[in-house]
Amino acid sequence: MAGGKKYGFSFSWKRALGVSGAKQSFARKTGVPTTRGGMERKIGNLFLDMLLKKRK
Protein backbone atom coordinates (compact mmCIF):
# COMPACT_ATOMS: atom_id res chain seq x y z
CA MET A 1 0.00 0.00 0.00
CA ALA A 2 1.74 3.12 -1.24
CA GLY A 3 1.38 6.16 0.98
CA GLY A 4 -1.37 4.72 3.14
CA LYS A 5 -4.32 6.62 4.55
CA LYS A 6 -3.86 9.86 6.41
CA TYR A 7 -6.00 10.59 9.42
CA GLY A 8 -6.35 13.73 11.46
CA PHE A 9 -4.76 16.92 10.17
CA SER A 10 -2.58 17.51 7.16
CA PHE A 11 0.45 19.78 7.17
CA SER A 12 1.20 22.26 4.40
CA TRP A 13 4.58 23.96 4.36
CA LYS A 14 3.21 26.57 1.95
CA ARG A 15 0.47 27.53 4.43
CA ALA A 16 2.98 27.51 7.31
CA LEU A 17 5.35 29.88 5.49
CA GLY A 18 2.55 32.14 4.27
CA VAL A 19 3.00 31.39 0.56
CA SER A 20 -0.71 30.75 -0.02
CA GLY A 21 -1.74 33.94 1.76
CA ALA A 22 0.81 36.01 -0.15
CA LYS A 23 -0.47 34.63 -3.47
CA GLN A 24 -4.07 35.42 -2.51
CA SER A 25 -3.13 38.93 -1.42
CA PHE A 26 -1.21 39.56 -4.66
CA ALA A 27 -4.13 38.30 -6.76
CA ARG A 28 -6.63 40.50 -4.93
CA LYS A 29 -4.51 43.66 -5.20
CA THR A 30 -3.47 43.28 -8.84
CA GLY A 31 -6.45 41.44 -10.30
CA VAL A 32 -4.07 38.87 -11.80
CA PRO A 33 -5.00 35.28 -10.90
CA THR A 34 -2.19 33.11 -9.53
CA THR A 35 -3.83 29.74 -10.19
CA ARG A 36 -4.03 27.92 -13.49
CA GLY A 37 -7.82 27.71 -13.28
CA GLY A 38 -8.12 31.39 -12.48
CA MET A 39 -5.88 32.35 -15.38
CA GLU A 40 -7.84 30.12 -17.81
CA ARG A 41 -11.12 31.60 -16.59
CA LYS A 42 -9.85 35.17 -17.01
CA ILE A 43 -8.43 34.55 -20.49
CA GLY A 44 -11.61 32.74 -21.54
CA ASN A 45 -13.77 35.65 -20.40
CA LEU A 46 -11.56 38.18 -22.21
CA PHE A 47 -11.70 36.10 -25.39
CA LEU A 48 -15.49 35.76 -25.25
CA ASP A 49 -15.89 39.48 -24.57
CA MET A 50 -13.78 40.27 -27.65
CA LEU A 51 -15.62 37.70 -29.74
CA LEU A 52 -19.04 38.99 -28.73
CA LYS A 53 -17.81 42.62 -28.72
CA LYS A 54 -18.98 43.37 -25.22
CA ARG A 55 -17.48 46.48 -23.69
CA LYS A 56 -17.70 47.42 -20.05
PDB file of N, CA and C in Angstrom:
ATOM      1  N   MET A   1       0.850  -1.176   0.000  1.00  0.00           N
ATOM      2  CA  MET A   1       0.000   0.000   0.000  1.00  0.00           C
ATOM      3  C   MET A   1       0.896   1.239   0.000  1.00  0.00           C
ATOM      4  N   ALA A   2       0.882   1.948  -1.091  1.00  0.00           N
ATOM      5  CA  ALA A   2       1.739   3.124  -1.235  1.00  0.00           C
ATOM      6  C   ALA A   2       1.125   4.333  -0.554  1.00  0.00           C
ATOM      7  N   GLY A   3       1.848   4.935   0.329  1.00  0.00           N
ATOM      8  CA  GLY A   3       1.377   6.160   0.976  1.00  0.00           C
ATOM      9  C   GLY A   3       0.479   5.914   2.166  1.00  0.00           C
ATOM     10  N   GLY A   4      -0.444   5.005   2.050  1.00  0.00           N
ATOM     11  CA  GLY A   4      -1.373   4.723   3.143  1.00  0.00           C
ATOM     12  C   GLY A   4      -2.393   5.826   3.326  1.00  0.00           C
ATOM     13  N   LYS A   5      -3.293   5.618   4.262  1.00  0.00           N
ATOM     14  CA  LYS A   5      -4.318   6.619   4.549  1.00  0.00           C
ATOM     15  C   LYS A   5      -3.805   7.604   5.576  1.00  0.00           C
ATOM     16  N   LYS A   6      -4.247   8.833   5.455  1.00  0.00           N
ATOM     17  CA  LYS A   6      -3.862   9.863   6.412  1.00  0.00           C
ATOM     18  C   LYS A   6      -5.079  10.231   7.236  1.00  0.00           C
ATOM     19  N   TYR A   7      -4.911  10.238   8.516  1.00  0.00           N
ATOM     20  CA  TYR A   7      -5.999  10.592   9.417  1.00  0.00           C
ATOM     21  C   TYR A   7      -5.618  11.839  10.202  1.00  0.00           C
ATOM     22  N   GLY A   8      -6.616  12.550  10.651  1.00  0.00           N
ATOM     23  CA  GLY A   8      -6.348  13.734  11.464  1.00  0.00           C
ATOM     24  C   GLY A   8      -6.101  14.948  10.598  1.00  0.00           C
ATOM     25  N   PHE A   9      -5.032  15.679  10.895  1.00  0.00           N
ATOM     26  CA  PHE A   9      -4.761  16.919  10.169  1.00  0.00           C
ATOM     27  C   PHE A   9      -3.687  16.679   9.113  1.00  0.00           C
ATOM     28  N   SER A  10      -3.643  17.564   8.155  1.00  0.00           N
ATOM     29  CA  SER A  10      -2.580  17.506   7.157  1.00  0.00           C
ATOM     30  C   SER A  10      -1.736  18.773   7.302  1.00  0.00           C
ATOM     31  N   PHE A  11      -0.467  18.658   7.016  1.00  0.00           N
ATOM     32  CA  PHE A  11       0.449  19.782   7.167  1.00  0.00           C
ATOM     33  C   PHE A  11       0.821  20.321   5.798  1.00  0.00           C
ATOM     34  N   SER A  12       0.800  21.622   5.645  1.00  0.00           N
ATOM     35  CA  SER A  12       1.200  22.258   4.399  1.00  0.00           C
ATOM     36  C   SER A  12       2.303  23.267   4.692  1.00  0.00           C
ATOM     37  N   TRP A  13       3.476  23.025   4.128  1.00  0.00           N
ATOM     38  CA  TRP A  13       4.581  23.957   4.362  1.00  0.00           C
ATOM     39  C   TRP A  13       4.307  25.300   3.700  1.00  0.00           C
ATOM     40  N   LYS A  14       3.532  25.303   2.605  1.00  0.00           N
ATOM     41  CA  LYS A  14       3.207  26.573   1.947  1.00  0.00           C
ATOM     42  C   LYS A  14       2.316  27.430   2.839  1.00  0.00           C
ATOM     43  N   ARG A  15       1.341  26.794   3.508  1.00  0.00           N
ATOM     44  CA  ARG A  15       0.474  27.535   4.426  1.00  0.00           C
ATOM     45  C   ARG A  15       1.283  28.017   5.628  1.00  0.00           C
ATOM     46  N   ALA A  16       2.180  27.167   6.129  1.00  0.00           N
ATOM     47  CA  ALA A  16       2.976  27.514   7.306  1.00  0.00           C
ATOM     48  C   ALA A  16       3.896  28.706   7.033  1.00  0.00           C
ATOM     49  N   LEU A  17       4.444  28.792   5.833  1.00  0.00           N
ATOM     50  CA  LEU A  17       5.354  29.884   5.490  1.00  0.00           C
ATOM     51  C   LEU A  17       4.624  31.112   4.947  1.00  0.00           C
ATOM     52  N   GLY A  18       3.329  30.998   4.740  1.00  0.00           N
ATOM     53  CA  GLY A  18       2.549  32.136   4.272  1.00  0.00           C
ATOM     54  C   GLY A  18       2.535  32.315   2.764  1.00  0.00           C
ATOM     55  N   VAL A  19       2.963  31.294   2.022  1.00  0.00           N
ATOM     56  CA  VAL A  19       3.001  31.393   0.560  1.00  0.00           C
ATOM     57  C   VAL A  19       1.591  31.532  -0.002  1.00  0.00           C
ATOM     58  N   SER A  20       0.665  30.719   0.490  1.00  0.00           N
ATOM     59  CA  SER A  20      -0.711  30.750  -0.018  1.00  0.00           C
ATOM     60  C   SER A  20      -1.362  32.104   0.238  1.00  0.00           C
ATOM     61  N   GLY A  21      -1.166  32.638   1.427  1.00  0.00           N
ATOM     62  CA  GLY A  21      -1.735  33.943   1.765  1.00  0.00           C
ATOM     63  C   GLY A  21      -1.151  35.058   0.922  1.00  0.00           C
ATOM     64  N   ALA A  22       0.153  34.988   0.662  1.00  0.00           N
ATOM     65  CA  ALA A  22       0.806  36.010  -0.155  1.00  0.00           C
ATOM     66  C   ALA A  22       0.282  35.974  -1.589  1.00  0.00           C
ATOM     67  N   LYS A  23       0.073  34.759  -2.117  1.00  0.00           N
ATOM     68  CA  LYS A  23      -0.466  34.631  -3.475  1.00  0.00           C
ATOM     69  C   LYS A  23      -1.876  35.195  -3.549  1.00  0.00           C
ATOM     70  N   GLN A  24      -2.696  34.906  -2.541  1.00  0.00           N
ATOM     71  CA  GLN A  24      -4.068  35.419  -2.512  1.00  0.00           C
ATOM     72  C   GLN A  24      -4.066  36.938  -2.428  1.00  0.00           C
ATOM     73  N   SER A  25      -3.220  37.479  -1.585  1.00  0.00           N
ATOM     74  CA  SER A  25      -3.132  38.926  -1.421  1.00  0.00           C
ATOM     75  C   SER A  25      -2.694  39.597  -2.727  1.00  0.00           C
ATOM     76  N   PHE A  26      -1.698  39.032  -3.379  1.00  0.00           N
ATOM     77  CA  PHE A  26      -1.214  39.558  -4.656  1.00  0.00           C
ATOM     78  C   PHE A  26      -2.326  39.541  -5.702  1.00  0.00           C
ATOM     79  N   ALA A  27      -3.055  38.433  -5.767  1.00  0.00           N
ATOM     80  CA  ALA A  27      -4.128  38.297  -6.758  1.00  0.00           C
ATOM     81  C   ALA A  27      -5.240  39.312  -6.508  1.00  0.00           C
ATOM     82  N   ARG A  28      -5.579  39.534  -5.252  1.00  0.00           N
ATOM     83  CA  ARG A  28      -6.634  40.503  -4.927  1.00  0.00           C
ATOM     84  C   ARG A  28      -6.223  41.931  -5.280  1.00  0.00           C
ATOM     85  N   LYS A  29      -4.974  42.282  -4.970  1.00  0.00           N
ATOM     86  CA  LYS A  29      -4.506  43.659  -5.197  1.00  0.00           C
ATOM     87  C   LYS A  29      -4.309  43.975  -6.675  1.00  0.00           C
ATOM     88  N   THR A  30      -3.807  43.017  -7.439  1.00  0.00           N
ATOM     89  CA  THR A  30      -3.474  43.279  -8.837  1.00  0.00           C
ATOM     90  C   THR A  30      -4.564  42.863  -9.812  1.00  0.00           C
ATOM     91  N   GLY A  31      -5.433  41.959  -9.392  1.00  0.00           N
ATOM     92  CA  GLY A  31      -6.455  41.441 -10.303  1.00  0.00           C
ATOM     93  C   GLY A  31      -5.917  40.368 -11.235  1.00  0.00           C
ATOM     94  N   VAL A  32      -4.679  39.913 -10.982  1.00  0.00           N
ATOM     95  CA  VAL A  32      -4.066  38.871 -11.800  1.00  0.00           C
ATOM     96  C   VAL A  32      -4.162  37.551 -11.041  1.00  0.00           C
ATOM     97  N   PRO A  33      -4.870  36.562 -11.592  1.00  0.00           N
ATOM     98  CA  PRO A  33      -4.997  35.285 -10.898  1.00  0.00           C
ATOM     99  C   PRO A  33      -3.653  34.553 -10.801  1.00  0.00           C
ATOM    100  N   THR A  34      -3.448  33.836  -9.715  1.00  0.00           N
ATOM    101  CA  THR A  34      -2.192  33.112  -9.532  1.00  0.00           C
ATOM    102  C   THR A  34      -2.370  31.613  -9.698  1.00  0.00           C
ATOM    103  N   THR A  35      -3.591  31.162  -9.970  1.00  0.00           N
ATOM    104  CA  THR A  35      -3.825  29.739 -10.186  1.00  0.00           C
ATOM    105  C   THR A  35      -4.069  29.486 -11.666  1.00  0.00           C
ATOM    106  N   ARG A  36      -3.819  28.270 -12.086  1.00  0.00           N
ATOM    107  CA  ARG A  36      -4.033  27.919 -13.491  1.00  0.00           C
ATOM    108  C   ARG A  36      -5.504  28.081 -13.874  1.00  0.00           C
ATOM    109  N   GLY A  37      -6.389  27.595 -13.010  1.00  0.00           N
ATOM    110  CA  GLY A  37      -7.820  27.709 -13.283  1.00  0.00           C
ATOM    111  C   GLY A  37      -8.277  29.151 -13.365  1.00  0.00           C
ATOM    112  N   GLY A  38      -7.773  29.976 -12.477  1.00  0.00           N
ATOM    113  CA  GLY A  38      -8.124  31.391 -12.484  1.00  0.00           C
ATOM    114  C   GLY A  38      -7.643  32.093 -13.742  1.00  0.00           C
ATOM    115  N   MET A  39      -6.434  31.751 -14.169  1.00  0.00           N
ATOM    116  CA  MET A  39      -5.885  32.351 -15.384  1.00  0.00           C
ATOM    117  C   MET A  39      -6.691  31.915 -16.604  1.00  0.00           C
ATOM    118  N   GLU A  40      -7.043  30.619 -16.675  1.00  0.00           N
ATOM    119  CA  GLU A  40      -7.837  30.123 -17.805  1.00  0.00           C
ATOM    120  C   GLU A  40      -9.205  30.793 -17.839  1.00  0.00           C
ATOM    121  N   ARG A  41      -9.798  30.969 -16.681  1.00  0.00           N
ATOM    122  CA  ARG A  41     -11.116  31.605 -16.593  1.00  0.00           C
ATOM    123  C   ARG A  41     -11.041  33.058 -17.066  1.00  0.00           C
ATOM    124  N   LYS A  42      -9.996  33.762 -16.633  1.00  0.00           N
ATOM    125  CA  LYS A  42      -9.846  35.174 -17.009  1.00  0.00           C
ATOM    126  C   LYS A  42      -9.600  35.315 -18.510  1.00  0.00           C
ATOM    127  N   ILE A  43      -8.721  34.493 -19.061  1.00  0.00           N
ATOM    128  CA  ILE A  43      -8.426  34.548 -20.494  1.00  0.00           C
ATOM    129  C   ILE A  43      -9.659  34.165 -21.307  1.00  0.00           C
ATOM    130  N   GLY A  44     -10.386  33.160 -20.850  1.00  0.00           N
ATOM    131  CA  GLY A  44     -11.609  32.745 -21.539  1.00  0.00           C
ATOM    132  C   GLY A  44     -12.644  33.851 -21.567  1.00  0.00           C
ATOM    133  N   ASN A  45     -12.811  34.546 -20.452  1.00  0.00           N
ATOM    134  CA  ASN A  45     -13.769  35.653 -20.396  1.00  0.00           C
ATOM    135  C   ASN A  45     -13.344  36.798 -21.309  1.00  0.00           C
ATOM    136  N   LEU A  46     -12.049  37.111 -21.329  1.00  0.00           N
ATOM    137  CA  LEU A  46     -11.558  38.176 -22.209  1.00  0.00           C
ATOM    138  C   LEU A  46     -11.783  37.817 -23.675  1.00  0.00           C
ATOM    139  N   PHE A  47     -11.518  36.556 -24.018  1.00  0.00           N
ATOM    140  CA  PHE A  47     -11.702  36.096 -25.394  1.00  0.00           C
ATOM    141  C   PHE A  47     -13.171  36.173 -25.804  1.00  0.00           C
ATOM    142  N   LEU A  48     -14.058  35.708 -24.935  1.00  0.00           N
ATOM    143  CA  LEU A  48     -15.488  35.758 -25.246  1.00  0.00           C
ATOM    144  C   LEU A  48     -15.985  37.191 -25.357  1.00  0.00           C
ATOM    145  N   ASP A  49     -15.494  38.066 -24.499  1.00  0.00           N
ATOM    146  CA  ASP A  49     -15.885  39.476 -24.573  1.00  0.00           C
ATOM    147  C   ASP A  49     -15.457  40.086 -25.911  1.00  0.00           C
ATOM    148  N   MET A  50     -14.240  39.755 -26.362  1.00  0.00           N
ATOM    149  CA  MET A  50     -13.775  40.271 -27.651  1.00  0.00           C
ATOM    150  C   MET A  50     -14.589  39.674 -28.793  1.00  0.00           C
ATOM    151  N   LEU A  51     -14.877  38.392 -28.698  1.00  0.00           N
ATOM    152  CA  LEU A  51     -15.624  37.701 -29.741  1.00  0.00           C
ATOM    153  C   LEU A  51     -17.043  38.244 -29.859  1.00  0.00           C
ATOM    154  N   LEU A  52     -17.661  38.501 -28.739  1.00  0.00           N
ATOM    155  CA  LEU A  52     -19.038  38.993 -28.726  1.00  0.00           C
ATOM    156  C   LEU A  52     -19.109  40.516 -28.698  1.00  0.00           C
ATOM    157  N   LYS A  53     -17.936  41.154 -28.699  1.00  0.00           N
ATOM    158  CA  LYS A  53     -17.811  42.618 -28.717  1.00  0.00           C
ATOM    159  C   LYS A  53     -18.563  43.295 -27.584  1.00  0.00           C
ATOM    160  N   LYS A  54     -18.394  42.743 -26.410  1.00  0.00           N
ATOM    161  CA  LYS A  54     -18.980  43.367 -25.223  1.00  0.00           C
ATOM    162  C   LYS A  54     -17.956  44.321 -24.641  1.00  0.00           C
ATOM    163  N   ARG A  55     -18.365  45.495 -24.321  1.00  0.00           N
ATOM    164  CA  ARG A  55     -17.481  46.481 -23.690  1.00  0.00           C
ATOM    165  C   ARG A  55     -18.078  46.880 -22.365  1.00  0.00           C
ATOM    166  N   LYS A  56     -17.223  47.010 -21.383  1.00  0.00           N
ATOM    167  CA  LYS A  56     -17.699  47.421 -20.053  1.00  0.00           C
ATOM    168  C   LYS A  56     -17.525  48.900 -19.890  1.00  0.00           C
TER     169      LYS A  56
END
